[in-house]
Protein backbone atom coordinates (compact mmCIF):
# COMPACT_ATOMS: atom_id res chain seq x y z
CA MET A 1 -29.50 7.01 7.29
CA ALA A 2 -27.49 10.23 5.99
CA ASN A 3 -25.09 9.86 8.72
CA SER A 4 -24.39 6.33 8.02
CA PHE A 5 -23.79 7.16 4.11
CA PHE A 6 -21.26 9.89 4.70
CA ARG A 7 -19.75 7.49 7.27
CA ASN A 8 -19.64 4.75 4.62
CA ALA A 9 -18.25 6.89 1.85
CA PHE A 10 -15.74 8.41 4.16
CA ASN A 11 -14.49 4.65 5.21
CA ARG A 12 -14.42 3.76 1.61
CA PHE A 13 -12.43 6.74 0.83
CA VAL A 14 -9.84 6.10 3.68
CA ALA A 15 -9.50 2.58 2.53
CA ALA A 16 -9.02 3.42 -1.05
CA ARG A 17 -6.22 5.67 -0.13
CA GLU A 18 -4.78 3.32 2.36
CA LEU A 19 -4.37 0.77 -0.73
CA GLN A 20 -2.86 3.45 -2.76
CA ALA A 21 -0.10 4.38 -0.04
CA SER A 22 0.88 0.59 0.57
CA ARG A 23 1.14 0.15 -3.16
CA TYR A 24 3.31 3.06 -3.33
CA VAL A 25 5.56 2.16 -0.44
CA ASN A 26 5.75 -1.26 -1.73
CA GLY A 27 7.25 0.29 -5.04
CA ALA A 28 9.76 2.33 -3.22
CA LEU A 29 11.00 -0.85 -1.45
CA MET A 30 11.25 -2.75 -4.50
CA ASN A 31 14.44 -0.15 -5.20
CA LEU A 32 16.17 -1.59 -2.08
CA ASP A 33 18.56 -4.48 -2.67
CA ASP A 34 17.54 -7.86 -1.09
CA GLU A 35 19.78 -7.45 2.00
CA ALA A 36 18.19 -4.22 2.99
CA LEU A 37 14.56 -5.88 2.44
CA LYS A 38 15.75 -9.08 4.70
CA SER A 39 16.98 -6.60 7.47
CA LEU A 40 13.27 -5.12 7.03
CA GLY A 41 11.74 -8.70 7.33
CA THR A 42 10.25 -8.85 3.99
CA THR A 43 11.36 -10.30 0.68
CA ARG A 44 10.86 -9.14 -2.85
CA GLU A 45 8.34 -11.78 -3.72
CA GLU A 46 6.30 -10.86 -0.77
CA LEU A 47 6.18 -7.07 -2.07
CA ARG A 48 5.06 -8.37 -5.64
CA ARG A 49 2.21 -10.24 -3.99
CA LYS A 50 1.00 -7.27 -2.11
CA GLY A 51 1.21 -5.05 -5.18
CA ALA A 52 3.55 -2.62 -6.07
CA ARG A 53 3.38 0.75 -8.05
CA ALA A 54 6.12 3.18 -9.00
CA SER A 55 3.99 6.24 -8.67
CA ALA A 56 1.35 7.67 -6.21
CA PHE A 57 -1.10 8.26 -9.22
């Protein structure tokens, strides 16, 4: 039981940090021009749907 509690807490912590990092990266990508985004295989609208944040906090 205790092992599953800590494992679950750790997994939730990691998932939250991954989401935070993804939003931070999307915010940084929003600073690129449309041609650069196209070369990366994404669009500005797709980044907006995924969520973007200007800072990591």
